[in-house]
């Protein structure tokens, strides 16, 4: 986990650990909640208005015509 936090690529860690496949190393990614939280924070939109989407009448008419 320290190597992942230090920014070492997963493929390099797999080699050091002797994993035959890189997918085996990905199991460790699921164990670190901090890493997950940072990844999710990086993908969050910078500006988003909370609320529910409300389609207008034109869109509803189009969808009903399908």
PDB file of N, CA and C in Angstrom:
ATOM      1  N   UNK A   1       0.822  -1.182   0.000  1.00  0.00           N
ATOM      2  CA  UNK A   1       0.000   0.000   0.000  1.00  0.00           C
ATOM      3  C   UNK A   1       0.874   1.257   0.000  1.00  0.00           C
ATOM      4  N   UNK A   2       1.991   1.195   0.644  1.00  0.00           N
ATOM      5  CA  UNK A   2       2.885   2.365   0.658  1.00  0.00           C
ATOM      6  C   UNK A   2       3.411   2.667  -0.738  1.00  0.00           C
ATOM      7  N   UNK A   3       3.704   1.621  -1.499  1.00  0.00           N
ATOM      8  CA  UNK A   3       4.183   1.839  -2.869  1.00  0.00           C
ATOM      9  C   UNK A   3       3.106   2.481  -3.721  1.00  0.00           C
ATOM     10  N   UNK A   4       1.865   2.026  -3.578  1.00  0.00           N
ATOM     11  CA  UNK A   4       0.765   2.639  -4.325  1.00  0.00           C
ATOM     12  C   UNK A   4       0.592   4.100  -3.943  1.00  0.00           C
ATOM     13  N   UNK A   5       0.640   4.380  -2.651  1.00  0.00           N
ATOM     14  CA  UNK A   5       0.499   5.767  -2.184  1.00  0.00           C
ATOM     15  C   UNK A   5       1.654   6.639  -2.663  1.00  0.00           C
ATOM     16  N   UNK A   6       2.817   6.027  -2.876  1.00  0.00           N
ATOM     17  CA  UNK A   6       3.986   6.782  -3.344  1.00  0.00           C
ATOM     18  C   UNK A   6       3.931   7.029  -4.844  1.00  0.00           C
ATOM     19  N   UNK A   7       2.909   6.457  -5.516  1.00  0.00           N
ATOM     20  CA  UNK A   7       2.757   6.704  -6.941  1.00  0.00           C
ATOM     21  C   UNK A   7       3.446   5.690  -7.840  1.00  0.00           C
ATOM     22  N   UNK A   8       3.903   4.572  -7.261  1.00  0.00           N
ATOM     23  CA  UNK A   8       4.538   3.525  -8.071  1.00  0.00           C
ATOM     24  C   UNK A   8       3.459   2.834  -8.898  1.00  0.00           C
ATOM     25  N   UNK A   9       3.744   2.592 -10.166  1.00  0.00           N
ATOM     26  CA  UNK A   9       2.777   1.962 -11.048  1.00  0.00           C
ATOM     27  C   UNK A   9       2.482   0.536 -10.602  1.00  0.00           C
ATOM     28  N   UNK A  10       1.234   0.138 -10.810  1.00  0.00           N
ATOM     29  CA  UNK A  10       0.792  -1.187 -10.400  1.00  0.00           C
ATOM     30  C   UNK A  10       1.583  -2.288 -11.094  1.00  0.00           C
ATOM     31  N   UNK A  11       1.947  -2.072 -12.343  1.00  0.00           N
ATOM     32  CA  UNK A  11       2.706  -3.098 -13.066  1.00  0.00           C
ATOM     33  C   UNK A  11       4.083  -3.318 -12.440  1.00  0.00           C
ATOM     34  N   UNK A  12       4.705  -2.263 -11.948  1.00  0.00           N
ATOM     35  CA  UNK A  12       6.015  -2.392 -11.299  1.00  0.00           C
ATOM     36  C   UNK A  12       5.876  -3.128  -9.970  1.00  0.00           C
ATOM     37  N   UNK A  13       4.816  -2.831  -9.226  1.00  0.00           N
ATOM     38  CA  UNK A  13       4.583  -3.512  -7.957  1.00  0.00           C
ATOM     39  C   UNK A  13       4.340  -4.994  -8.204  1.00  0.00           C
ATOM     40  N   UNK A  14       3.602  -5.311  -9.266  1.00  0.00           N
ATOM     41  CA  UNK A  14       3.335  -6.714  -9.605  1.00  0.00           C
ATOM     42  C   UNK A  14       4.638  -7.455  -9.869  1.00  0.00           C
ATOM     43  N   UNK A  15       5.566  -6.816 -10.552  1.00  0.00           N
ATOM     44  CA  UNK A  15       6.859  -7.450 -10.814  1.00  0.00           C
ATOM     45  C   UNK A  15       7.623  -7.692  -9.520  1.00  0.00           C
ATOM     46  N   UNK A  16       7.639  -6.696  -8.638  1.00  0.00           N
ATOM     47  CA  UNK A  16       8.373  -6.832  -7.384  1.00  0.00           C
ATOM     48  C   UNK A  16       7.777  -7.916  -6.495  1.00  0.00           C
ATOM     49  N   UNK A  17       6.451  -8.056  -6.538  1.00  0.00           N
ATOM     50  CA  UNK A  17       5.794  -9.055  -5.701  1.00  0.00           C
ATOM     51  C   UNK A  17       5.800 -10.444  -6.327  1.00  0.00           C
ATOM     52  N   UNK A  18       6.208 -10.544  -7.581  1.00  0.00           N
ATOM     53  CA  UNK A  18       6.264 -11.824  -8.252  1.00  0.00           C
ATOM     54  C   UNK A  18       4.915 -12.304  -8.761  1.00  0.00           C
ATOM     55  N   UNK A  19       3.983 -11.360  -8.947  1.00  0.00           N
ATOM     56  CA  UNK A  19       2.668 -11.745  -9.467  1.00  0.00           C
ATOM     57  C   UNK A  19       2.779 -12.059 -10.957  1.00  0.00           C
ATOM     58  N   UNK A  20       2.131 -13.133 -11.335  1.00  0.00           N
ATOM     59  CA  UNK A  20       2.159 -13.538 -12.741  1.00  0.00           C
ATOM     60  C   UNK A  20       1.367 -12.572 -13.606  1.00  0.00           C
ATOM     61  N   UNK A  21       0.269 -12.054 -13.058  1.00  0.00           N
ATOM     62  CA  UNK A  21      -0.577 -11.128 -13.802  1.00  0.00           C
ATOM     63  C   UNK A  21      -0.772  -9.850 -12.996  1.00  0.00           C
ATOM     64  N   UNK A  22      -0.872  -8.736 -13.694  1.00  0.00           N
ATOM     65  CA  UNK A  22      -1.082  -7.446 -13.024  1.00  0.00           C
ATOM     66  C   UNK A  22      -2.444  -7.421 -12.325  1.00  0.00           C
ATOM     67  N   UNK A  23      -3.404  -8.172 -12.862  1.00  0.00           N
ATOM     68  CA  UNK A  23      -4.740  -8.210 -12.264  1.00  0.00           C
ATOM     69  C   UNK A  23      -4.698  -8.687 -10.813  1.00  0.00           C
ATOM     70  N   UNK A  24      -3.748  -9.547 -10.504  1.00  0.00           N
ATOM     71  CA  UNK A  24      -3.608 -10.024  -9.127  1.00  0.00           C
ATOM     72  C   UNK A  24      -3.279  -8.868  -8.199  1.00  0.00           C
ATOM     73  N   UNK A  25      -2.469  -7.950  -8.658  1.00  0.00           N
ATOM     74  CA  UNK A  25      -2.072  -6.798  -7.848  1.00  0.00           C
ATOM     75  C   UNK A  25      -3.235  -5.842  -7.635  1.00  0.00           C
ATOM     76  N   UNK A  26      -4.182  -5.825  -8.568  1.00  0.00           N
ATOM     77  CA  UNK A  26      -5.327  -4.918  -8.444  1.00  0.00           C
ATOM     78  C   UNK A  26      -6.182  -5.237  -7.221  1.00  0.00           C
ATOM     79  N   UNK A  27      -6.059  -6.433  -6.689  1.00  0.00           N
ATOM     80  CA  UNK A  27      -6.795  -6.785  -5.471  1.00  0.00           C
ATOM     81  C   UNK A  27      -6.427  -5.825  -4.350  1.00  0.00           C
ATOM     82  N   UNK A  28      -5.177  -5.410  -4.309  1.00  0.00           N
ATOM     83  CA  UNK A  28      -4.726  -4.516  -3.247  1.00  0.00           C
ATOM     84  C   UNK A  28      -5.319  -3.122  -3.375  1.00  0.00           C
ATOM     85  N   UNK A  29      -5.688  -2.742  -4.568  1.00  0.00           N
ATOM     86  CA  UNK A  29      -6.297  -1.423  -4.752  1.00  0.00           C
ATOM     87  C   UNK A  29      -7.643  -1.337  -4.044  1.00  0.00           C
ATOM     88  N   UNK A  30      -8.333  -2.466  -3.961  1.00  0.00           N
ATOM     89  CA  UNK A  30      -9.647  -2.470  -3.332  1.00  0.00           C
ATOM     90  C   UNK A  30      -9.558  -2.395  -1.819  1.00  0.00           C
ATOM     91  N   UNK A  31      -8.398  -2.612  -1.273  1.00  0.00           N
ATOM     92  CA  UNK A  31      -8.236  -2.632   0.175  1.00  0.00           C
ATOM     93  C   UNK A  31      -8.012  -1.247   0.761  1.00  0.00           C
ATOM     94  N   UNK A  32      -7.611  -0.274  -0.036  1.00  0.00           N
ATOM     95  CA  UNK A  32      -7.259   1.043   0.485  1.00  0.00           C
ATOM     96  C   UNK A  32      -8.382   2.041   0.215  1.00  0.00           C
ATOM     97  N   UNK A  33      -9.167   2.330   1.240  1.00  0.00           N
ATOM     98  CA  UNK A  33     -10.284   3.251   1.087  1.00  0.00           C
ATOM     99  C   UNK A  33      -9.815   4.683   0.820  1.00  0.00           C
ATOM    100  N   UNK A  34      -8.682   5.064   1.364  1.00  0.00           N
ATOM    101  CA  UNK A  34      -8.153   6.405   1.115  1.00  0.00           C
ATOM    102  C   UNK A  34      -7.836   6.607  -0.353  1.00  0.00           C
ATOM    103  N   UNK A  35      -7.253   5.595  -0.973  1.00  0.00           N
ATOM    104  CA  UNK A  35      -6.940   5.659  -2.393  1.00  0.00           C
ATOM    105  C   UNK A  35      -8.216   5.761  -3.209  1.00  0.00           C
ATOM    106  N   UNK A  36      -9.229   5.021  -2.822  1.00  0.00           N
ATOM    107  CA  UNK A  36     -10.518   5.084  -3.512  1.00  0.00           C
ATOM    108  C   UNK A  36     -11.134   6.476  -3.391  1.00  0.00           C
ATOM    109  N   UNK A  37     -11.095   7.027  -2.192  1.00  0.00           N
ATOM    110  CA  UNK A  37     -11.673   8.351  -1.973  1.00  0.00           C
ATOM    111  C   UNK A  37     -10.979   9.410  -2.808  1.00  0.00           C
ATOM    112  N   UNK A  38      -9.657   9.353  -2.903  1.00  0.00           N
ATOM    113  CA  UNK A  38      -8.928  10.327  -3.722  1.00  0.00           C
ATOM    114  C   UNK A  38      -9.257  10.162  -5.201  1.00  0.00           C
ATOM    115  N   UNK A  39      -9.403   8.914  -5.651  1.00  0.00           N
ATOM    116  CA  UNK A  39      -9.754   8.673  -7.051  1.00  0.00           C
ATOM    117  C   UNK A  39     -11.146   9.204  -7.359  1.00  0.00           C
ATOM    118  N   UNK A  40     -12.083   8.967  -6.465  1.00  0.00           N
ATOM    119  CA  UNK A  40     -13.437   9.476  -6.673  1.00  0.00           C
ATOM    120  C   UNK A  40     -13.473  10.999  -6.635  1.00  0.00           C
ATOM    121  N   UNK A  41     -12.710  11.594  -5.754  1.00  0.00           N
ATOM    122  CA  UNK A  41     -12.668  13.050  -5.672  1.00  0.00           C
ATOM    123  C   UNK A  41     -12.093  13.656  -6.943  1.00  0.00           C
ATOM    124  N   UNK A  42     -11.155  12.961  -7.571  1.00  0.00           N
ATOM    125  CA  UNK A  42     -10.547  13.473  -8.804  1.00  0.00           C
ATOM    126  C   UNK A  42     -11.506  13.405  -9.982  1.00  0.00           C
ATOM    127  N   UNK A  43     -12.513  12.550  -9.909  1.00  0.00           N
ATOM    128  CA  UNK A  43     -13.452  12.424 -11.023  1.00  0.00           C
ATOM    129  C   UNK A  43     -14.728  13.215 -10.806  1.00  0.00           C
ATOM    130  N   UNK A  44     -14.887  13.796  -9.631  1.00  0.00           N
ATOM    131  CA  UNK A  44     -16.094  14.563  -9.349  1.00  0.00           C
ATOM    132  C   UNK A  44     -16.099  15.846 -10.173  1.00  0.00           C
ATOM    133  N   UNK A  45     -17.250  16.240 -10.675  1.00  0.00           N
ATOM    134  CA  UNK A  45     -17.304  17.488 -11.434  1.00  0.00           C
ATOM    135  C   UNK A  45     -16.955  18.677 -10.548  1.00  0.00           C
ATOM    136  N   UNK A  46     -16.291  19.649 -11.120  1.00  0.00           N
ATOM    137  CA  UNK A  46     -15.870  20.818 -10.355  1.00  0.00           C
ATOM    138  C   UNK A  46     -17.077  21.618  -9.879  1.00  0.00           C
ATOM    139  N   UNK A  47     -18.061  21.767 -10.744  1.00  0.00           N
ATOM    140  CA  UNK A  47     -19.252  22.527 -10.392  1.00  0.00           C
ATOM    141  C   UNK A  47     -20.473  21.710 -10.805  1.00  0.00           C
ATOM    142  N   UNK A  48     -21.307  21.435  -9.872  1.00  0.00           N
ATOM    143  CA  UNK A  48     -22.543  20.718 -10.173  1.00  0.00           C
ATOM    144  C   UNK A  48     -23.638  21.250  -9.269  1.00  0.00           C
ATOM    145  N   UNK A  49     -24.751  21.561  -9.877  1.00  0.00           N
ATOM    146  CA  UNK A  49     -25.867  22.046  -9.082  1.00  0.00           C
ATOM    147  C   UNK A  49     -26.699  20.842  -8.633  1.00  0.00           C
ATOM    148  N   UNK A  50     -26.969  20.757  -7.355  1.00  0.00           N
ATOM    149  CA  UNK A  50     -27.770  19.638  -6.885  1.00  0.00           C
ATOM    150  C   UNK A  50     -29.213  19.779  -7.365  1.00  0.00           C
ATOM    151  N   UNK A  51     -29.853  18.674  -7.507  1.00  0.00           N
ATOM    152  CA  UNK A  51     -31.253  18.719  -7.918  1.00  0.00           C
ATOM    153  C   UNK A  51     -31.605  17.539  -8.799  1.00  0.00           C
ATOM    154  N   UNK A  52     -32.838  17.540  -9.221  1.00  0.00           N
ATOM    155  CA  UNK A  52     -33.340  16.449 -10.029  1.00  0.00           C
ATOM    156  C   UNK A  52     -33.606  16.956 -11.433  1.00  0.00           C
ATOM    157  N   UNK A  53     -33.284  16.132 -12.436  1.00  0.00           N
ATOM    158  CA  UNK A  53     -33.515  16.503 -13.821  1.00  0.00           C
ATOM    159  C   UNK A  53     -35.014  16.521 -14.094  1.00  0.00           C
ATOM    160  N   UNK A  54     -35.488  17.586 -14.706  1.00  0.00           N
ATOM    161  CA  UNK A  54     -36.895  17.704 -15.067  1.00  0.00           C
ATOM    162  C   UNK A  54     -36.976  17.981 -16.573  1.00  0.00           C
ATOM    163  N   UNK A  55     -37.365  16.966 -17.337  1.00  0.00           N
ATOM    164  CA  UNK A  55     -37.432  17.147 -18.790  1.00  0.00           C
ATOM    165  C   UNK A  55     -38.556  18.117 -19.173  1.00  0.00           C
ATOM    166  N   UNK A  56     -38.315  18.842 -20.241  1.00  0.00           N
ATOM    167  CA  UNK A  56     -39.349  19.766 -20.706  1.00  0.00           C
ATOM    168  C   UNK A  56     -40.379  19.012 -21.551  1.00  0.00           C
ATOM    169  N   UNK A  57     -41.455  19.703 -21.912  1.00  0.00           N
ATOM    170  CA  UNK A  57     -42.551  19.069 -22.655  1.00  0.00           C
ATOM    171  C   UNK A  57     -42.102  18.570 -24.023  1.00  0.00           C
ATOM    172  N   UNK A  58     -41.214  19.288 -24.665  1.00  0.00           N
ATOM    173  CA  UNK A  58     -40.739  18.886 -25.992  1.00  0.00           C
ATOM    174  C   UNK A  58     -40.004  17.543 -25.918  1.00  0.00           C
ATOM    175  N   UNK A  59     -39.161  17.386 -24.919  1.00  0.00           N
ATOM    176  CA  UNK A  59     -38.425  16.133 -24.753  1.00  0.00           C
ATOM    177  C   UNK A  59     -39.375  14.979 -24.416  1.00  0.00           C
ATOM    178  N   UNK A  60     -40.328  15.222 -23.532  1.00  0.00           N
ATOM    179  CA  UNK A  60     -41.290  14.188 -23.178  1.00  0.00           C
ATOM    180  C   UNK A  60     -42.122  13.758 -24.381  1.00  0.00           C
ATOM    181  N   UNK A  61     -42.522  14.718 -25.206  1.00  0.00           N
ATOM    182  CA  UNK A  61     -43.295  14.398 -26.409  1.00  0.00           C
ATOM    183  C   UNK A  61     -42.463  13.544 -27.363  1.00  0.00           C
ATOM    184  N   UNK A  62     -41.191  13.883 -27.503  1.00  0.00           N
ATOM    185  CA  UNK A  62     -40.293  13.106 -28.369  1.00  0.00           C
ATOM    186  C   UNK A  62     -40.171  11.669 -27.879  1.00  0.00           C
ATOM    187  N   UNK A  63     -39.954  11.511 -26.570  1.00  0.00           N
ATOM    188  CA  UNK A  63     -39.783  10.169 -26.000  1.00  0.00           C
ATOM    189  C   UNK A  63     -41.071   9.346 -26.102  1.00  0.00           C
ATOM    190  N   UNK A  64     -42.193   9.984 -25.920  1.00  0.00           N
ATOM    191  CA  UNK A  64     -43.458   9.250 -26.024  1.00  0.00           C
ATOM    192  C   UNK A  64     -43.748   8.839 -27.459  1.00  0.00           C
ATOM    193  N   UNK A  65     -43.196   9.560 -28.421  1.00  0.00           N
ATOM    194  CA  UNK A  65     -43.412   9.246 -29.841  1.00  0.00           C
ATOM    195  C   UNK A  65     -42.540   8.079 -30.312  1.00  0.00           C
ATOM    196  N   UNK A  66     -41.588   7.680 -29.533  1.00  0.00           N
ATOM    197  CA  UNK A  66     -40.714   6.586 -29.934  1.00  0.00           C
ATOM    198  C   UNK A  66     -41.424   5.259 -29.955  1.00  0.00           C
TER     199      UNK A  66
END
